[in-house]
């Protein structure tokens, strides 16, 4: 599997899924106040989870392609703003072609804000860092919405699977 296949379609699928969840969240009685909801006191609220999710694919794409990317540092104040940010990232990812990717064996250095540093190949970076972090924040956003009473389930988390359905349960 190529770096492109491991990253760009996966990111786009996750962004689409989250946008679908945010559509449902807009209709929830709590509305935009859900953006401040957290799973635990020491965790970031939903607005931060969404900001991270709208930045992470661009940050990875910068490493994978060499294209410059500037992360957003402000949280969205509404679900409409959040969905617009996700759509903008999806559009950016849609402009990346397979041929834009560097070689998976290329080395990259990952510097974390706490001073830790990791050196790995781009293939290792996608597998061991970029994708796990993306899914962590995606799952956390889903869990916050679910904990706040949004009526969502696994089908809302993996809507992309329905394109493969060959048989559906009878009602």
Protein backbone atom coordinates (compact mmCIF):
# COMPACT_ATOMS: atom_id res chain seq x y z
CA UNK A 1 0.00 0.00 0.00
CA UNK A 2 1.38 3.40 -0.97
CA UNK A 3 1.78 6.39 1.33
CA UNK A 4 -1.03 8.05 -0.60
CA UNK A 5 -3.40 5.12 -0.06
CA UNK A 6 -2.51 4.97 3.64
CA UNK A 7 -3.17 8.63 4.21
CA UNK A 8 -5.14 10.85 1.85
CA UNK A 9 -8.27 8.70 1.34
CA UNK A 10 -8.28 7.76 5.04
CA UNK A 11 -8.09 11.39 6.12
CA UNK A 12 -10.82 12.40 3.67
CA UNK A 13 -13.09 9.61 4.87
CA UNK A 14 -12.61 10.68 8.50
CA UNK A 15 -13.27 14.33 7.74
CA UNK A 16 -16.46 13.39 5.88
CA UNK A 17 -17.59 11.21 8.77
CA UNK A 18 -16.96 13.97 11.31
CA UNK A 19 -18.81 16.48 9.15
CA UNK A 20 -21.79 14.11 9.15
CA UNK A 21 -21.66 13.93 12.94
CA UNK A 22 -21.53 17.71 13.12
CA UNK A 23 -24.65 17.91 10.94
CA UNK A 24 -26.44 15.85 13.57
CA UNK A 25 -24.91 17.89 16.39
CA UNK A 26 -26.25 21.14 14.93
CA UNK A 27 -29.78 19.81 15.42
CA UNK A 28 -29.13 18.76 19.03
CA UNK A 29 -30.85 20.78 21.78
CA UNK A 30 -27.46 21.87 23.19
CA UNK A 31 -26.37 23.24 19.79
CA UNK A 32 -23.02 24.99 19.56
CA UNK A 33 -22.50 24.71 23.34
CA UNK A 34 -21.50 21.10 22.61
CA UNK A 35 -18.23 22.50 21.29
CA UNK A 36 -17.15 23.06 24.91
CA UNK A 37 -18.03 19.52 26.05
CA UNK A 38 -15.22 17.22 27.26
CA UNK A 39 -14.95 13.54 28.14
CA UNK A 40 -12.80 14.28 31.18
CA UNK A 41 -11.54 17.40 32.93
CA UNK A 42 -7.97 16.86 31.73
CA UNK A 43 -8.99 16.40 28.08
CA UNK A 44 -9.53 19.01 25.38
CA UNK A 45 -13.10 20.01 24.52
CA UNK A 46 -14.80 19.08 21.25
CA UNK A 47 -13.79 22.37 19.60
CA UNK A 48 -10.11 21.55 20.12
CA UNK A 49 -10.58 17.97 18.91
CA UNK A 50 -12.12 19.38 15.71
CA UNK A 51 -9.29 21.90 15.28
CA UNK A 52 -6.72 19.13 15.65
CA UNK A 53 -8.62 17.04 13.09
CA UNK A 54 -8.72 19.91 10.64
CA UNK A 55 -4.95 20.45 11.04
CA UNK A 56 -3.46 16.96 11.28
CA UNK A 57 -3.97 15.91 7.65
CA UNK A 58 -2.30 19.12 6.45
CA UNK A 59 0.59 18.68 8.85
CA UNK A 60 1.09 15.13 7.58
CA UNK A 61 0.74 16.19 3.96
CA UNK A 62 3.49 18.74 4.47
CA UNK A 63 5.85 15.93 5.49
CA UNK A 64 4.60 13.58 2.79
CA UNK A 65 4.70 16.02 -0.12
CA UNK A 66 6.86 18.97 0.92
CA UNK A 67 3.93 21.38 0.40
CA UNK A 68 3.91 24.12 3.01
CA UNK A 69 0.98 24.04 5.45
CA UNK A 70 0.03 26.43 8.24
CA UNK A 71 -2.06 24.99 11.07
CA UNK A 72 -5.04 26.87 12.44
CA UNK A 73 -4.62 27.90 16.04
CA UNK A 74 -8.15 29.11 16.79
CA UNK A 75 -11.11 26.95 17.73
CA UNK A 76 -14.38 27.21 15.84
CA UNK A 77 -17.23 29.04 17.56
CA UNK A 78 -19.99 27.18 15.71
CA UNK A 79 -20.63 23.87 14.01
CA UNK A 80 -21.02 25.76 10.73
CA UNK A 81 -17.47 27.15 11.13
CA UNK A 82 -16.14 23.70 12.07
CA UNK A 83 -17.74 22.07 9.03
CA UNK A 84 -16.29 24.79 6.81
CA UNK A 85 -12.80 24.10 8.22
CA UNK A 86 -13.22 20.37 7.61
CA UNK A 87 -14.44 21.03 4.06
CA UNK A 88 -11.44 23.30 3.41
CA UNK A 89 -9.06 20.55 4.55
CA UNK A 90 -10.90 17.99 2.42
CA UNK A 91 -10.54 20.28 -0.59
CA UNK A 92 -6.82 20.68 0.13
CA UNK A 93 -6.39 16.91 0.39
CA UNK A 94 -8.32 16.46 -2.86
CA UNK A 95 -5.65 18.48 -4.64
CA UNK A 96 -2.92 15.99 -3.67
CA UNK A 97 -2.10 13.33 -6.23
CA UNK A 98 -0.30 10.02 -5.76
CA UNK A 99 2.70 11.38 -7.64
CA UNK A 100 3.07 14.24 -5.16
CA UNK A 101 4.19 11.88 -2.40
CA UNK A 102 7.78 11.43 -1.31
CA UNK A 103 9.29 7.98 -0.99
CA UNK A 104 8.05 6.07 2.07
CA UNK A 105 11.64 5.24 3.04
CA UNK A 106 12.52 8.93 3.35
CA UNK A 107 13.46 9.96 6.88
CA UNK A 108 11.53 12.52 8.85
CA UNK A 109 12.10 14.03 12.28
CA UNK A 110 9.11 14.60 14.53
CA UNK A 111 9.66 17.23 17.22
CA UNK A 112 6.99 17.39 19.93
CA UNK A 113 6.25 20.52 21.99
CA UNK A 114 7.41 18.73 25.17
CA UNK A 115 10.93 18.37 23.76
CA UNK A 116 10.72 14.74 22.62
CA UNK A 117 12.04 13.95 19.18
CA UNK A 118 11.50 10.92 16.96
CA UNK A 119 13.31 9.96 13.76
CA UNK A 120 11.53 7.54 11.45
CA UNK A 121 10.66 6.85 7.84
CA UNK A 122 7.59 8.47 6.32
CA UNK A 123 5.93 5.03 6.18
CA UNK A 124 6.56 4.62 9.91
CA UNK A 125 5.37 8.16 10.55
CA UNK A 126 2.00 7.51 8.85
CA UNK A 127 1.52 4.09 10.46
CA UNK A 128 2.81 4.79 13.96
CA UNK A 129 2.11 8.49 14.54
CA UNK A 130 -0.10 10.33 12.06
CA UNK A 131 -2.93 7.81 11.70
CA UNK A 132 -3.14 6.80 15.39
CA UNK A 133 -3.30 10.48 16.40
CA UNK A 134 -5.94 11.25 13.78
CA UNK A 135 -8.10 8.34 14.94
CA UNK A 136 -7.57 9.25 18.60
CA UNK A 137 -9.05 12.71 18.05
CA UNK A 138 -11.74 11.40 15.70
CA UNK A 139 -12.83 8.79 18.24
CA UNK A 140 -12.69 11.34 21.04
CA UNK A 141 -14.92 13.75 19.08
CA UNK A 142 -17.38 10.90 18.44
CA UNK A 143 -17.31 9.88 22.12
CA UNK A 144 -17.92 13.45 23.32
CA UNK A 145 -20.96 13.78 21.08
CA UNK A 146 -22.26 10.39 22.14
CA UNK A 147 -21.72 11.17 25.83
CA UNK A 148 -23.62 14.44 25.38
CA UNK A 149 -26.69 12.56 24.16
CA UNK A 150 -26.32 12.67 20.39
CA UNK A 151 -28.07 9.65 18.91
CA UNK A 152 -25.19 8.18 16.92
CA UNK A 153 -23.80 4.69 16.57
CA UNK A 154 -21.20 2.65 14.76
CA UNK A 155 -22.90 3.22 11.40
CA UNK A 156 -22.25 6.94 11.89
CA UNK A 157 -18.57 6.24 12.58
CA UNK A 158 -18.02 4.05 9.51
CA UNK A 159 -20.51 5.35 6.91
CA UNK A 160 -17.94 4.71 4.18
CA UNK A 161 -18.50 0.96 4.65
CA UNK A 162 -21.96 1.11 3.10
CA UNK A 163 -20.42 1.38 -0.36
CA UNK A 164 -19.25 -2.22 0.13
CA UNK A 165 -22.58 -3.58 1.43
CA UNK A 166 -23.79 -6.58 -0.50
CA UNK A 167 -26.56 -7.46 1.91
CA UNK A 168 -28.44 -5.43 4.52
CA UNK A 169 -30.46 -6.76 7.47
CA UNK A 170 -34.17 -7.08 6.94
CA UNK A 171 -36.30 -4.59 8.85
